[in-house]
Amino acid sequence: MSFEKRLKKNRGRRKSRVRGKIRGTAQRPRLSVFRSTRYIYAQAIDDDAGKTLAAISSLAGEVRDDLKGRKKIDAAYEVGRHIARRLLADNVTEAVYDRGSYLYHGRVKALADGARHEGLKI
């Protein structure tokens, strides 16, 4: 088995292990994170209704302008702050953090810290 296939298989296994333990509702959505090599994305998902309540990435216009010349970890922190603001505007004060197949470290942790800084309970 090639390295890429093994990597994909192991990531899928870790992702399903994390996802099997958490579930989002309208009052407490699942805050899902996707991390690419260059950008970071966050979605607040209501699993009961199957809807995305809010979504933002480091590519979004309001965030991208603030991030010129800053590091990726700073971008993740700002994305966390913006998603928390959107959720708080919709009267959502709590969320379940879904780190996917990523370790709770670095950019994934910075996004959660940014959301907590704005007042979202994770």
C-alpha atoms as a PDB file:
ATOM      1  CA  MET A   1       0.000   0.000   0.000  1.00  0.00           C
ATOM      2  CA  SER A   2       1.372   3.399  -0.972  1.00  0.00           C
ATOM      3  CA  PHE A   3       2.062   6.136   1.547  1.00  0.00           C
ATOM      4  CA  GLU A   4      -0.794   8.313   0.265  1.00  0.00           C
ATOM      5  CA  LYS A   5      -3.343   5.493   0.552  1.00  0.00           C
ATOM      6  CA  ARG A   6      -2.184   4.631   4.067  1.00  0.00           C
ATOM      7  CA  LEU A   7      -2.327   8.305   5.091  1.00  0.00           C
ATOM      8  CA  LYS A   8      -5.863   8.694   3.732  1.00  0.00           C
ATOM      9  CA  LYS A   9      -7.017   5.479   5.389  1.00  0.00           C
ATOM     10  CA  ASN A  10      -5.571   6.434   8.780  1.00  0.00           C
ATOM     11  CA  ARG A  11      -7.014   9.962   8.605  1.00  0.00           C
ATOM     12  CA  GLY A  12     -10.430   8.539   7.804  1.00  0.00           C
ATOM     13  CA  ARG A  13     -10.179   6.164  10.731  1.00  0.00           C
ATOM     14  CA  ARG A  14      -9.243   8.962  13.156  1.00  0.00           C
ATOM     15  CA  LYS A  15     -11.973  11.214  11.777  1.00  0.00           C
ATOM     16  CA  SER A  16     -14.688   8.599  12.229  1.00  0.00           C
ATOM     17  CA  ARG A  17     -13.462   7.849  15.746  1.00  0.00           C
ATOM     18  CA  VAL A  18     -13.824  11.518  16.731  1.00  0.00           C
ATOM     19  CA  ARG A  19     -17.127  12.008  14.868  1.00  0.00           C
ATOM     20  CA  GLY A  20     -18.671   8.925  16.441  1.00  0.00           C
ATOM     21  CA  LYS A  21     -18.483  10.530  19.868  1.00  0.00           C
ATOM     22  CA  ILE A  22     -19.966  13.962  19.131  1.00  0.00           C
ATOM     23  CA  ARG A  23     -23.196  15.301  17.681  1.00  0.00           C
ATOM     24  CA  GLY A  24     -24.355  18.851  17.031  1.00  0.00           C
ATOM     25  CA  THR A  25     -27.793  20.296  17.742  1.00  0.00           C
ATOM     26  CA  ALA A  26     -29.379  23.661  17.026  1.00  0.00           C
ATOM     27  CA  GLN A  27     -28.555  24.949  20.531  1.00  0.00           C
ATOM     28  CA  ARG A  28     -25.096  23.352  20.580  1.00  0.00           C
ATOM     29  CA  PRO A  29     -23.812  22.875  17.022  1.00  0.00           C
ATOM     30  CA  ARG A  30     -20.754  20.906  15.986  1.00  0.00           C
ATOM     31  CA  LEU A  31     -17.897  23.295  15.197  1.00  0.00           C
ATOM     32  CA  SER A  32     -16.053  21.398  12.478  1.00  0.00           C
ATOM     33  CA  VAL A  33     -12.533  22.331  11.356  1.00  0.00           C
ATOM     34  CA  PHE A  34     -10.757  21.611   8.094  1.00  0.00           C
ATOM     35  CA  ARG A  35      -7.101  22.501   7.801  1.00  0.00           C
ATOM     36  CA  SER A  36      -5.336  22.623   4.466  1.00  0.00           C
ATOM     37  CA  THR A  37      -1.673  23.425   4.044  1.00  0.00           C
ATOM     38  CA  ARG A  38      -2.448  27.083   3.389  1.00  0.00           C
ATOM     39  CA  TYR A  39      -5.914  27.917   4.762  1.00  0.00           C
ATOM     40  CA  ILE A  40      -8.259  26.926   7.567  1.00  0.00           C
ATOM     41  CA  TYR A  41     -12.020  26.480   7.397  1.00  0.00           C
ATOM     42  CA  ALA A  42     -14.675  26.268  10.130  1.00  0.00           C
ATOM     43  CA  GLN A  43     -18.359  25.303  10.008  1.00  0.00           C
ATOM     44  CA  ALA A  44     -21.039  25.210  12.668  1.00  0.00           C
ATOM     45  CA  ILE A  45     -23.293  22.250  11.840  1.00  0.00           C
ATOM     46  CA  ASP A  46     -26.672  21.199  13.230  1.00  0.00           C
ATOM     47  CA  ASP A  47     -26.561  17.422  12.745  1.00  0.00           C
ATOM     48  CA  ASP A  48     -30.209  16.941  13.728  1.00  0.00           C
ATOM     49  CA  ALA A  49     -31.469  19.123  10.870  1.00  0.00           C
ATOM     50  CA  GLY A  50     -28.490  18.456   8.590  1.00  0.00           C
ATOM     51  CA  LYS A  51     -27.819  22.176   8.145  1.00  0.00           C
ATOM     52  CA  THR A  52     -24.778  24.404   8.306  1.00  0.00           C
ATOM     53  CA  LEU A  53     -25.542  27.329  10.612  1.00  0.00           C
ATOM     54  CA  ALA A  54     -22.391  29.353   9.902  1.00  0.00           C
ATOM     55  CA  ALA A  55     -19.206  28.914   7.926  1.00  0.00           C
ATOM     56  CA  ILE A  56     -16.039  30.922   7.458  1.00  0.00           C
ATOM     57  CA  SER A  57     -12.494  30.429   6.245  1.00  0.00           C
ATOM     58  CA  SER A  58      -9.243  32.321   6.103  1.00  0.00           C
ATOM     59  CA  LEU A  59     -10.155  33.044   2.463  1.00  0.00           C
ATOM     60  CA  ALA A  60     -13.280  35.034   3.418  1.00  0.00           C
ATOM     61  CA  GLY A  61     -13.099  38.738   2.586  1.00  0.00           C
ATOM     62  CA  GLU A  62     -13.599  40.111   6.087  1.00  0.00           C
ATOM     63  CA  VAL A  63     -10.881  37.847   7.497  1.00  0.00           C
ATOM     64  CA  ARG A  64      -8.464  37.911   4.583  1.00  0.00           C
ATOM     65  CA  ASP A  65      -7.950  41.679   4.799  1.00  0.00           C
ATOM     66  CA  ASP A  66      -6.920  41.394   8.484  1.00  0.00           C
ATOM     67  CA  LEU A  67      -4.412  38.629   7.759  1.00  0.00           C
ATOM     68  CA  LYS A  68      -2.046  40.254   5.282  1.00  0.00           C
ATOM     69  CA  GLY A  69       1.493  39.279   6.260  1.00  0.00           C
ATOM     70  CA  ARG A  70       0.486  37.321   9.371  1.00  0.00           C
ATOM     71  CA  LYS A  71       1.179  33.709  10.254  1.00  0.00           C
ATOM     72  CA  LYS A  72      -1.210  30.796   9.694  1.00  0.00           C
ATOM     73  CA  ILE A  73      -1.746  30.329  13.416  1.00  0.00           C
ATOM     74  CA  ASP A  74      -2.893  33.976  13.658  1.00  0.00           C
ATOM     75  CA  ALA A  75      -5.256  33.340  10.753  1.00  0.00           C
ATOM     76  CA  ALA A  76      -6.756  30.360  12.586  1.00  0.00           C
ATOM     77  CA  TYR A  77      -7.272  32.480  15.712  1.00  0.00           C
ATOM     78  CA  GLU A  78      -9.088  35.159  13.680  1.00  0.00           C
ATOM     79  CA  VAL A  79     -11.267  32.564  11.934  1.00  0.00           C
ATOM     80  CA  GLY A  80     -12.257  31.249  15.373  1.00  0.00           C
ATOM     81  CA  ARG A  81     -13.169  34.751  16.533  1.00  0.00           C
ATOM     82  CA  HIS A  82     -15.274  35.410  13.420  1.00  0.00           C
ATOM     83  CA  ILE A  83     -17.205  32.129  13.582  1.00  0.00           C
ATOM     84  CA  ALA A  84     -17.917  32.760  17.278  1.00  0.00           C
ATOM     85  CA  ARG A  85     -19.261  36.229  16.486  1.00  0.00           C
ATOM     86  CA  ARG A  86     -21.574  34.786  13.847  1.00  0.00           C
ATOM     87  CA  LEU A  87     -22.867  32.125  16.213  1.00  0.00           C
ATOM     88  CA  LEU A  88     -23.353  34.586  19.066  1.00  0.00           C
ATOM     89  CA  ALA A  89     -25.310  36.845  16.700  1.00  0.00           C
ATOM     90  CA  ASP A  90     -27.630  33.859  16.111  1.00  0.00           C
ATOM     91  CA  ASN A  91     -28.018  33.367  19.903  1.00  0.00           C
ATOM     92  CA  VAL A  92     -25.843  30.233  19.991  1.00  0.00           C
ATOM     93  CA  THR A  93     -23.585  30.333  23.056  1.00  0.00           C
ATOM     94  CA  GLU A  94     -22.192  26.774  23.118  1.00  0.00           C
ATOM     95  CA  ALA A  95     -20.653  24.438  20.568  1.00  0.00           C
ATOM     96  CA  VAL A  96     -19.104  20.974  20.383  1.00  0.00           C
ATOM     97  CA  TYR A  97     -15.605  21.131  18.902  1.00  0.00           C
ATOM     98  CA  ASP A  98     -14.921  18.688  16.071  1.00  0.00           C
ATOM     99  CA  ARG A  99     -11.205  18.607  15.359  1.00  0.00           C
ATOM    100  CA  GLY A 100     -11.662  15.953  12.677  1.00  0.00           C
ATOM    101  CA  SER A 101      -8.531  13.866  12.123  1.00  0.00           C
ATOM    102  CA  TYR A 102      -6.219  16.622  13.375  1.00  0.00           C
ATOM    103  CA  LEU A 103      -4.455  16.781  16.716  1.00  0.00           C
ATOM    104  CA  TYR A 104      -5.645  19.468  19.115  1.00  0.00           C
ATOM    105  CA  HIS A 105      -2.482  21.474  18.591  1.00  0.00           C
ATOM    106  CA  GLY A 106      -1.274  24.462  16.609  1.00  0.00           C
ATOM    107  CA  ARG A 107      -3.828  25.959  14.233  1.00  0.00           C
ATOM    108  CA  VAL A 108      -6.654  23.683  15.373  1.00  0.00           C
ATOM    109  CA  LYS A 109      -6.102  24.783  18.974  1.00  0.00           C
ATOM    110  CA  ALA A 110      -5.744  28.445  17.937  1.00  0.00           C
ATOM    111  CA  LEU A 111      -9.140  28.364  16.219  1.00  0.00           C
ATOM    112  CA  ALA A 112     -10.767  27.022  19.397  1.00  0.00           C
ATOM    113  CA  ASP A 113      -8.963  29.641  21.500  1.00  0.00           C
ATOM    114  CA  GLY A 114     -10.189  32.415  19.203  1.00  0.00           C
ATOM    115  CA  ALA A 115     -13.772  31.195  19.503  1.00  0.00           C
ATOM    116  CA  ARG A 116     -13.472  31.017  23.292  1.00  0.00           C
ATOM    117  CA  HIS A 117     -12.025  34.529  23.386  1.00  0.00           C
ATOM    118  CA  GLU A 118     -15.231  35.868  21.844  1.00  0.00           C
ATOM    119  CA  GLY A 119     -17.361  34.114  24.468  1.00  0.00           C
ATOM    120  CA  LEU A 120     -18.337  30.839  22.789  1.00  0.00           C
ATOM    121  CA  LYS A 121     -18.318  27.898  25.195  1.00  0.00           C
ATOM    122  CA  ILE A 122     -16.604  24.867  23.727  1.00  0.00           C
END
